[in-house]
């Protein structure tokens, strides 16, 4: 099972998940992140502005705050993947 993602988890472009996250659910002391939470990408745009993008894929079976939970390996709208997650919390689906 993939590792659970949390606020400020790094992404592959590089960048990070900036939230807002779900403050009532903590993963290793940080808010859990879900489908729709924002990723800020530091990759220079090829053409035009590169605005923040939402997490575009999450768990099909685990909801946090009513939204699919994000995990290591899930994708953001710009194609970046979440590259790190919790060392001891896994989320299926």
PDB file of N, CA and C in Angstrom:
ATOM      1  N   UNK A   1       0.834  -1.188   0.000  1.00  0.00           N
ATOM      2  CA  UNK A   1       0.000   0.000   0.000  1.00  0.00           C
ATOM      3  C   UNK A   1       0.877   1.249   0.000  1.00  0.00           C
ATOM      4  N   UNK A   2       0.425   2.298  -0.674  1.00  0.00           N
ATOM      5  CA  UNK A   2       1.203   3.540  -0.706  1.00  0.00           C
ATOM      6  C   UNK A   2       1.193   4.267   0.638  1.00  0.00           C
ATOM      7  N   UNK A   3       2.237   5.027   0.866  1.00  0.00           N
ATOM      8  CA  UNK A   3       2.344   5.842   2.081  1.00  0.00           C
ATOM      9  C   UNK A   3       1.372   7.016   2.010  1.00  0.00           C
ATOM     10  N   UNK A   4       0.788   7.374   3.152  1.00  0.00           N
ATOM     11  CA  UNK A   4      -0.119   8.521   3.234  1.00  0.00           C
ATOM     12  C   UNK A   4       0.652   9.816   3.026  1.00  0.00           C
ATOM     13  N   UNK A   5       0.063  10.745   2.276  1.00  0.00           N
ATOM     14  CA  UNK A   5       0.691  12.050   2.043  1.00  0.00           C
ATOM     15  C   UNK A   5       0.211  13.051   3.086  1.00  0.00           C
ATOM     16  N   UNK A   6       1.053  14.039   3.343  1.00  0.00           N
ATOM     17  CA  UNK A   6       0.730  15.052   4.350  1.00  0.00           C
ATOM     18  C   UNK A   6       1.175  16.421   3.854  1.00  0.00           C
ATOM     19  N   UNK A   7       0.730  17.461   4.544  1.00  0.00           N
ATOM     20  CA  UNK A   7       1.039  18.835   4.172  1.00  0.00           C
ATOM     21  C   UNK A   7       2.543  19.033   4.037  1.00  0.00           C
ATOM     22  N   UNK A   8       2.951  19.704   2.988  1.00  0.00           N
ATOM     23  CA  UNK A   8       4.344  20.015   2.632  1.00  0.00           C
ATOM     24  C   UNK A   8       5.127  18.813   2.114  1.00  0.00           C
ATOM     25  N   UNK A   9       4.442  17.711   1.798  1.00  0.00           N
ATOM     26  CA  UNK A   9       5.132  16.574   1.178  1.00  0.00           C
ATOM     27  C   UNK A   9       5.734  17.030  -0.149  1.00  0.00           C
ATOM     28  N   UNK A  10       6.950  16.593  -0.466  1.00  0.00           N
ATOM     29  CA  UNK A  10       7.587  17.007  -1.715  1.00  0.00           C
ATOM     30  C   UNK A  10       6.986  16.302  -2.930  1.00  0.00           C
ATOM     31  N   UNK A  11       7.126  16.969  -4.071  1.00  0.00           N
ATOM     32  CA  UNK A  11       6.643  16.425  -5.337  1.00  0.00           C
ATOM     33  C   UNK A  11       7.788  16.398  -6.346  1.00  0.00           C
ATOM     34  N   UNK A  12       7.553  15.765  -7.471  1.00  0.00           N
ATOM     35  CA  UNK A  12       8.627  15.449  -8.409  1.00  0.00           C
ATOM     36  C   UNK A  12       9.102  16.568  -9.326  1.00  0.00           C
ATOM     37  N   UNK A  13       8.493  17.732  -9.343  1.00  0.00           N
ATOM     38  CA  UNK A  13       8.884  18.731 -10.357  1.00  0.00           C
ATOM     39  C   UNK A  13      10.024  19.687 -10.026  1.00  0.00           C
ATOM     40  N   UNK A  14      10.479  20.119  -9.022  1.00  0.00           N
ATOM     41  CA  UNK A  14      10.108  19.874  -7.633  1.00  0.00           C
ATOM     42  C   UNK A  14       9.025  20.848  -7.178  1.00  0.00           C
ATOM     43  N   UNK A  15       8.508  20.586  -6.044  1.00  0.00           N
ATOM     44  CA  UNK A  15       7.465  21.406  -5.463  1.00  0.00           C
ATOM     45  C   UNK A  15       7.028  20.780  -4.162  1.00  0.00           C
ATOM     46  N   UNK A  16       5.867  21.212  -3.669  1.00  0.00           N
ATOM     47  CA  UNK A  16       5.343  20.676  -2.415  1.00  0.00           C
ATOM     48  C   UNK A  16       3.835  20.838  -2.383  1.00  0.00           C
ATOM     49  N   UNK A  17       3.193  20.005  -1.575  1.00  0.00           N
ATOM     50  CA  UNK A  17       1.757  20.125  -1.339  1.00  0.00           C
ATOM     51  C   UNK A  17       1.573  21.217  -0.292  1.00  0.00           C
ATOM     52  N   UNK A  18       0.835  22.269  -0.644  1.00  0.00           N
ATOM     53  CA  UNK A  18       0.676  23.407   0.267  1.00  0.00           C
ATOM     54  C   UNK A  18      -0.699  23.478   0.915  1.00  0.00           C
ATOM     55  N   UNK A  19      -1.581  22.563   0.580  1.00  0.00           N
ATOM     56  CA  UNK A  19      -2.819  22.451   1.338  1.00  0.00           C
ATOM     57  C   UNK A  19      -4.061  22.989   0.668  1.00  0.00           C
ATOM     58  N   UNK A  20      -5.046  23.197   1.514  1.00  0.00           N
ATOM     59  CA  UNK A  20      -4.937  23.419   2.949  1.00  0.00           C
ATOM     60  C   UNK A  20      -4.793  22.160   3.803  1.00  0.00           C
ATOM     61  N   UNK A  21      -5.126  20.992   3.277  1.00  0.00           N
ATOM     62  CA  UNK A  21      -5.070  19.788   4.098  1.00  0.00           C
ATOM     63  C   UNK A  21      -6.286  19.684   5.001  1.00  0.00           C
ATOM     64  N   UNK A  22      -6.323  18.620   5.779  1.00  0.00           N
ATOM     65  CA  UNK A  22      -7.420  18.380   6.729  1.00  0.00           C
ATOM     66  C   UNK A  22      -6.820  18.452   8.127  1.00  0.00           C
ATOM     67  N   UNK A  23      -7.022  19.587   8.786  1.00  0.00           N
ATOM     68  CA  UNK A  23      -6.382  19.847  10.081  1.00  0.00           C
ATOM     69  C   UNK A  23      -6.831  18.895  11.182  1.00  0.00           C
ATOM     70  N   UNK A  24      -8.007  18.279  11.030  1.00  0.00           N
ATOM     71  CA  UNK A  24      -8.507  17.378  12.067  1.00  0.00           C
ATOM     72  C   UNK A  24      -7.946  15.959  11.943  1.00  0.00           C
ATOM     73  N   UNK A  25      -7.201  15.677  10.870  1.00  0.00           N
ATOM     74  CA  UNK A  25      -6.577  14.365  10.681  1.00  0.00           C
ATOM     75  C   UNK A  25      -5.077  14.587  10.493  1.00  0.00           C
ATOM     76  N   UNK A  26      -4.298  14.128  11.468  1.00  0.00           N
ATOM     77  CA  UNK A  26      -2.854  14.329  11.415  1.00  0.00           C
ATOM     78  C   UNK A  26      -2.137  13.042  11.030  1.00  0.00           C
ATOM     79  N   UNK A  27      -1.161  13.166  10.155  1.00  0.00           N
ATOM     80  CA  UNK A  27      -0.307  12.056   9.755  1.00  0.00           C
ATOM     81  C   UNK A  27       1.109  12.452  10.139  1.00  0.00           C
ATOM     82  N   UNK A  28       1.658  11.762  11.124  1.00  0.00           N
ATOM     83  CA  UNK A  28       2.972  12.107  11.665  1.00  0.00           C
ATOM     84  C   UNK A  28       3.043  13.583  12.055  1.00  0.00           C
ATOM     85  N   UNK A  29       1.962  14.066  12.667  1.00  0.00           N
ATOM     86  CA  UNK A  29       1.917  15.429  13.188  1.00  0.00           C
ATOM     87  C   UNK A  29       1.574  16.503  12.175  1.00  0.00           C
ATOM     88  N   UNK A  30       1.346  16.133  10.923  1.00  0.00           N
ATOM     89  CA  UNK A  30       1.015  17.103   9.874  1.00  0.00           C
ATOM     90  C   UNK A  30      -0.380  16.808   9.334  1.00  0.00           C
ATOM     91  N   UNK A  31      -1.126  17.842   8.887  1.00  0.00           N
ATOM     92  CA  UNK A  31      -2.452  17.598   8.312  1.00  0.00           C
ATOM     93  C   UNK A  31      -2.389  16.665   7.101  1.00  0.00           C
ATOM     94  N   UNK A  32      -3.361  15.766   7.022  1.00  0.00           N
ATOM     95  CA  UNK A  32      -3.493  14.884   5.863  1.00  0.00           C
ATOM     96  C   UNK A  32      -3.864  15.727   4.645  1.00  0.00           C
ATOM     97  N   UNK A  33      -3.452  15.283   3.453  1.00  0.00           N
ATOM     98  CA  UNK A  33      -3.850  15.967   2.225  1.00  0.00           C
ATOM     99  C   UNK A  33      -4.692  15.035   1.368  1.00  0.00           C
ATOM    100  N   UNK A  34      -5.556  15.654   0.550  1.00  0.00           N
ATOM    101  CA  UNK A  34      -6.559  14.918  -0.203  1.00  0.00           C
ATOM    102  C   UNK A  34      -6.701  15.460  -1.620  1.00  0.00           C
ATOM    103  N   UNK A  35      -7.483  14.754  -2.411  1.00  0.00           N
ATOM    104  CA  UNK A  35      -7.832  15.198  -3.749  1.00  0.00           C
ATOM    105  C   UNK A  35      -8.292  16.650  -3.696  1.00  0.00           C
ATOM    106  N   UNK A  36      -7.737  17.492  -4.540  1.00  0.00           N
ATOM    107  CA  UNK A  36      -8.120  18.900  -4.592  1.00  0.00           C
ATOM    108  C   UNK A  36      -7.223  19.829  -3.812  1.00  0.00           C
ATOM    109  N   UNK A  37      -6.445  19.308  -2.855  1.00  0.00           N
ATOM    110  CA  UNK A  37      -5.489  20.173  -2.154  1.00  0.00           C
ATOM    111  C   UNK A  37      -4.436  20.641  -3.163  1.00  0.00           C
ATOM    112  N   UNK A  38      -3.810  21.766  -2.871  1.00  0.00           N
ATOM    113  CA  UNK A  38      -2.972  22.445  -3.857  1.00  0.00           C
ATOM    114  C   UNK A  38      -1.504  22.014  -3.799  1.00  0.00           C
ATOM    115  N   UNK A  39      -0.932  21.871  -4.986  1.00  0.00           N
ATOM    116  CA  UNK A  39       0.498  21.603  -5.191  1.00  0.00           C
ATOM    117  C   UNK A  39       1.101  22.850  -5.828  1.00  0.00           C
ATOM    118  N   UNK A  40       2.188  23.341  -5.274  1.00  0.00           N
ATOM    119  CA  UNK A  40       2.916  24.454  -5.873  1.00  0.00           C
ATOM    120  C   UNK A  40       4.145  23.878  -6.556  1.00  0.00           C
ATOM    121  N   UNK A  41       4.250  24.143  -7.844  1.00  0.00           N
ATOM    122  CA  UNK A  41       5.296  23.568  -8.680  1.00  0.00           C
ATOM    123  C   UNK A  41       6.383  24.597  -8.940  1.00  0.00           C
ATOM    124  N   UNK A  42       7.629  24.223  -8.722  1.00  0.00           N
ATOM    125  CA  UNK A  42       8.750  25.127  -8.966  1.00  0.00           C
ATOM    126  C   UNK A  42       9.349  24.950 -10.357  1.00  0.00           C
ATOM    127  N   UNK A  43       8.809  24.036 -11.157  1.00  0.00           N
ATOM    128  CA  UNK A  43       9.313  23.805 -12.507  1.00  0.00           C
ATOM    129  C   UNK A  43       8.980  24.996 -13.388  1.00  0.00           C
ATOM    130  N   UNK A  44       9.951  25.570 -14.089  1.00  0.00           N
ATOM    131  CA  UNK A  44       9.641  26.708 -14.966  1.00  0.00           C
ATOM    132  C   UNK A  44       8.664  26.293 -16.063  1.00  0.00           C
ATOM    133  N   UNK A  45       7.723  27.152 -16.372  1.00  0.00           N
ATOM    134  CA  UNK A  45       6.742  26.810 -17.411  1.00  0.00           C
ATOM    135  C   UNK A  45       7.379  26.828 -18.803  1.00  0.00           C
ATOM    136  N   UNK A  46       6.908  25.961 -19.653  1.00  0.00           N
ATOM    137  CA  UNK A  46       7.375  25.953 -21.040  1.00  0.00           C
ATOM    138  C   UNK A  46       6.705  27.065 -21.837  1.00  0.00           C
ATOM    139  N   UNK A  47       5.444  27.326 -21.533  1.00  0.00           N
ATOM    140  CA  UNK A  47       4.704  28.379 -22.236  1.00  0.00           C
ATOM    141  C   UNK A  47       3.652  28.945 -21.297  1.00  0.00           C
ATOM    142  N   UNK A  48       3.782  30.207 -20.965  1.00  0.00           N
ATOM    143  CA  UNK A  48       2.792  30.866 -20.123  1.00  0.00           C
ATOM    144  C   UNK A  48       2.965  30.538 -18.655  1.00  0.00           C
ATOM    145  N   UNK A  49       2.098  31.107 -17.824  1.00  0.00           N
ATOM    146  CA  UNK A  49       2.201  30.906 -16.371  1.00  0.00           C
ATOM    147  C   UNK A  49       1.937  29.453 -15.973  1.00  0.00           C
ATOM    148  N   UNK A  50       2.515  29.066 -14.867  1.00  0.00           N
ATOM    149  CA  UNK A  50       2.314  27.723 -14.322  1.00  0.00           C
ATOM    150  C   UNK A  50       1.719  27.888 -12.927  1.00  0.00           C
ATOM    151  N   UNK A  51       0.403  28.025 -12.846  1.00  0.00           N
ATOM    152  CA  UNK A  51      -0.225  28.284 -11.546  1.00  0.00           C
ATOM    153  C   UNK A  51      -0.200  27.048 -10.656  1.00  0.00           C
ATOM    154  N   UNK A  52      -0.514  27.225  -9.375  1.00  0.00           N
ATOM    155  CA  UNK A  52      -0.661  26.057  -8.498  1.00  0.00           C
ATOM    156  C   UNK A  52      -1.693  25.091  -9.081  1.00  0.00           C
ATOM    157  N   UNK A  53      -1.489  23.813  -8.854  1.00  0.00           N
ATOM    158  CA  UNK A  53      -2.373  22.774  -9.374  1.00  0.00           C
ATOM    159  C   UNK A  53      -2.898  21.922  -8.237  1.00  0.00           C
ATOM    160  N   UNK A  54      -4.118  21.403  -8.372  1.00  0.00           N
ATOM    161  CA  UNK A  54      -4.647  20.519  -7.335  1.00  0.00           C
ATOM    162  C   UNK A  54      -4.098  19.105  -7.467  1.00  0.00           C
ATOM    163  N   UNK A  55      -4.154  18.373  -6.374  1.00  0.00           N
ATOM    164  CA  UNK A  55      -3.913  16.932  -6.435  1.00  0.00           C
ATOM    165  C   UNK A  55      -5.055  16.357  -7.259  1.00  0.00           C
ATOM    166  N   UNK A  56      -4.732  15.585  -8.285  1.00  0.00           N
ATOM    167  CA  UNK A  56      -5.730  15.132  -9.247  1.00  0.00           C
ATOM    168  C   UNK A  56      -6.141  13.674  -9.074  1.00  0.00           C
ATOM    169  N   UNK A  57      -5.413  12.918  -8.257  1.00  0.00           N
ATOM    170  CA  UNK A  57      -5.737  11.503  -8.050  1.00  0.00           C
ATOM    171  C   UNK A  57      -5.532  11.169  -6.583  1.00  0.00           C
ATOM    172  N   UNK A  58      -6.448  10.379  -6.038  1.00  0.00           N
ATOM    173  CA  UNK A  58      -6.339   9.937  -4.656  1.00  0.00           C
ATOM    174  C   UNK A  58      -6.899   8.533  -4.518  1.00  0.00           C
ATOM    175  N   UNK A  59      -7.012   8.071  -3.296  1.00  0.00           N
ATOM    176  CA  UNK A  59      -7.512   6.730  -3.013  1.00  0.00           C
ATOM    177  C   UNK A  59      -8.965   6.579  -3.458  1.00  0.00           C
ATOM    178  N   UNK A  60      -9.281   5.433  -4.044  1.00  0.00           N
ATOM    179  CA  UNK A  60     -10.656   5.137  -4.434  1.00  0.00           C
ATOM    180  C   UNK A  60     -11.472   4.594  -3.268  1.00  0.00           C
ATOM    181  N   UNK A  61     -10.808   4.251  -2.158  1.00  0.00           N
ATOM    182  CA  UNK A  61     -11.536   3.602  -1.064  1.00  0.00           C
ATOM    183  C   UNK A  61     -11.381   4.275   0.297  1.00  0.00           C
ATOM    184  N   UNK A  62     -10.491   5.259   0.427  1.00  0.00           N
ATOM    185  CA  UNK A  62     -10.278   5.914   1.721  1.00  0.00           C
ATOM    186  C   UNK A  62     -10.552   7.404   1.575  1.00  0.00           C
ATOM    187  N   UNK A  63     -11.512   7.891   2.369  1.00  0.00           N
ATOM    188  CA  UNK A  63     -11.851   9.312   2.361  1.00  0.00           C
ATOM    189  C   UNK A  63     -11.364   9.962   3.646  1.00  0.00           C
ATOM    190  N   UNK A  64     -10.846  11.170   3.529  1.00  0.00           N
ATOM    191  CA  UNK A  64     -10.476  11.988   4.683  1.00  0.00           C
ATOM    192  C   UNK A  64     -11.170  13.323   4.496  1.00  0.00           C
ATOM    193  N   UNK A  65     -11.997  13.699   5.450  1.00  0.00           N
ATOM    194  CA  UNK A  65     -12.755  14.936   5.296  1.00  0.00           C
ATOM    195  C   UNK A  65     -13.699  14.886   4.108  1.00  0.00           C
ATOM    196  N   UNK A  66     -14.154  13.690   3.742  1.00  0.00           N
ATOM    197  CA  UNK A  66     -15.086  13.527   2.632  1.00  0.00           C
ATOM    198  C   UNK A  66     -14.440  13.522   1.252  1.00  0.00           C
ATOM    199  N   UNK A  67     -13.115  13.542   1.183  1.00  0.00           N
ATOM    200  CA  UNK A  67     -12.405  13.550  -0.099  1.00  0.00           C
ATOM    201  C   UNK A  67     -11.408  12.395  -0.148  1.00  0.00           C
ATOM    202  N   UNK A  68     -11.107  11.883  -1.347  1.00  0.00           N
ATOM    203  CA  UNK A  68     -10.131  10.798  -1.455  1.00  0.00           C
ATOM    204  C   UNK A  68      -8.769  11.197  -0.875  1.00  0.00           C
ATOM    205  N   UNK A  69      -8.221  10.328  -0.050  1.00  0.00           N
ATOM    206  CA  UNK A  69      -6.919  10.571   0.577  1.00  0.00           C
ATOM    207  C   UNK A  69      -5.813  10.546  -0.472  1.00  0.00           C
ATOM    208  N   UNK A  70      -4.837  11.443  -0.336  1.00  0.00           N
ATOM    209  CA  UNK A  70      -3.680  11.470  -1.239  1.00  0.00           C
ATOM    210  C   UNK A  70      -2.576  10.588  -0.673  1.00  0.00           C
ATOM    211  N   UNK A  71      -1.811   9.966  -1.597  1.00  0.00           N
ATOM    212  CA  UNK A  71      -0.763   9.032  -1.207  1.00  0.00           C
ATOM    213  C   UNK A  71       0.489   9.251  -2.032  1.00  0.00           C
ATOM    214  N   UNK A  72       1.583   8.741  -1.559  1.00  0.00           N
ATOM    215  CA  UNK A  72       2.823   8.772  -2.332  1.00  0.00           C
ATOM    216  C   UNK A  72       2.556   8.120  -3.685  1.00  0.00           C
ATOM    217  N   UNK A  73       2.964   8.773  -4.759  1.00  0.00           N
ATOM    218  CA  UNK A  73       2.736   8.262  -6.108  1.00  0.00           C
ATOM    219  C   UNK A  73       1.528   8.852  -6.795  1.00  0.00           C
ATOM    220  N   UNK A  74       0.596   9.452  -6.049  1.00  0.00           N
ATOM    221  CA  UNK A  74      -0.566  10.083  -6.674  1.00  0.00           C
ATOM    222  C   UNK A  74      -0.124  11.316  -7.449  1.00  0.00           C
ATOM    223  N   UNK A  75      -0.924  11.694  -8.456  1.00  0.00           N
ATOM    224  CA  UNK A  75      -0.555  12.765  -9.376  1.00  0.00           C
ATOM    225  C   UNK A  75      -1.253  14.081  -9.083  1.00  0.00           C
ATOM    226  N   UNK A  76      -0.552  15.159  -9.428  1.00  0.00           N
ATOM    227  CA  UNK A  76      -1.101  16.510  -9.373  1.00  0.00           C
ATOM    228  C   UNK A  76      -1.515  16.914 -10.785  1.00  0.00           C
ATOM    229  N   UNK A  77      -2.251  18.007 -10.900  1.00  0.00           N
ATOM    230  CA  UNK A  77      -2.777  18.447 -12.185  1.00  0.00           C
ATOM    231  C   UNK A  77      -1.724  18.737 -13.237  1.00  0.00           C
ATOM    232  N   UNK A  78      -0.512  19.094 -12.840  1.00  0.00           N
ATOM    233  CA  UNK A  78       0.559  19.409 -13.800  1.00  0.00           C
ATOM    234  C   UNK A  78       1.369  18.175 -14.180  1.00  0.00           C
ATOM    235  N   UNK A  79       1.022  17.022 -13.612  1.00  0.00           N
ATOM    236  CA  UNK A  79       1.740  15.790 -13.913  1.00  0.00           C
ATOM    237  C   UNK A  79       2.775  15.395 -12.881  1.00  0.00           C
ATOM    238  N   UNK A  80       3.047  16.267 -11.912  1.00  0.00           N
ATOM    239  CA  UNK A  80       3.988  15.928 -10.836  1.00  0.00           C
ATOM    240  C   UNK A  80       3.386  14.830  -9.967  1.00  0.00           C
ATOM    241  N   UNK A  81       4.236  13.981  -9.418  1.00  0.00           N
ATOM    242  CA  UNK A  81       3.757  12.969  -8.480  1.00  0.00           C
ATOM    243  C   UNK A  81       4.243  13.307  -7.075  1.00  0.00           C
ATOM    244  N   UNK A  82       3.493  12.840  -6.092  1.00  0.00           N
ATOM    245  CA  UNK A  82       3.891  13.003  -4.691  1.00  0.00           C
ATOM    246  C   UNK A  82       5.001  11.982  -4.444  1.00  0.00           C
ATOM    247  N   UNK A  83       6.183  12.440  -4.040  1.00  0.00           N
ATOM    248  CA  UNK A  83       7.335  11.535  -3.956  1.00  0.00           C
ATOM    249  C   UNK A  83       7.666  11.050  -2.552  1.00  0.00           C
ATOM    250  N   UNK A  84       7.001  11.575  -1.537  1.00  0.00           N
ATOM    251  CA  UNK A  84       7.268  11.117  -0.172  1.00  0.00           C
ATOM    252  C   UNK A  84       5.963  11.071   0.603  1.00  0.00           C
ATOM    253  N   UNK A  85       5.936  10.183   1.573  1.00  0.00           N
ATOM    254  CA  UNK A  85       4.771  10.056   2.429  1.00  0.00           C
ATOM    255  C   UNK A  85       5.202   9.555   3.791  1.00  0.00           C
ATOM    256  N   UNK A  86       4.230   9.202   4.594  1.00  0.00           N
ATOM    257  CA  UNK A  86       4.489   8.751   5.953  1.00  0.00           C
ATOM    258  C   UNK A  86       5.267   7.436   5.972  1.00  0.00           C
ATOM    259  N   UNK A  87       6.251   7.326   6.866  1.00  0.00           N
ATOM    260  CA  UNK A  87       6.971   6.060   6.972  1.00  0.00           C
ATOM    261  C   UNK A  87       6.166   4.968   7.671  1.00  0.00           C
ATOM    262  N   UNK A  88       5.060   5.337   8.334  1.00  0.00           N
ATOM    263  CA  UNK A  88       4.327   4.325   9.095  1.00  0.00           C
ATOM    264  C   UNK A  88       2.806   4.379   8.939  1.00  0.00           C
ATOM    265  N   UNK A  89       2.286   5.161   7.982  1.00  0.00           N
ATOM    266  CA  UNK A  89       0.847   5.187   7.703  1.00  0.00           C
ATOM    267  C   UNK A  89       0.656   4.894   6.218  1.00  0.00           C
ATOM    268  N   UNK A  90      -0.040   3.800   5.916  1.00  0.00           N
ATOM    269  CA  UNK A  90      -0.316   3.437   4.530  1.00  0.00           C
ATOM    270  C   UNK A  90      -1.806   3.563   4.257  1.00  0.00           C
ATOM    271  N   UNK A  91      -2.141   3.911   3.006  1.00  0.00           N
ATOM    272  CA  UNK A  91      -3.536   4.069   2.595  1.00  0.00           C
ATOM    273  C   UNK A  91      -3.746   3.252   1.331  1.00  0.00           C
ATOM    274  N   UNK A  92      -4.711   2.357   1.363  1.00  0.00           N
ATOM    275  CA  UNK A  92      -4.999   1.507   0.213  1.00  0.00           C
ATOM    276  C   UNK A  92      -5.910   2.170  -0.794  1.00  0.00           C
ATOM    277  N   UNK A  93      -6.263   1.379  -1.804  1.00  0.00           N
ATOM    278  CA  UNK A  93      -7.228   1.798  -2.807  1.00  0.00           C
ATOM    279  C   UNK A  93      -6.690   2.685  -3.838  1.00  0.00           C
TER     280      UNK A  93
END
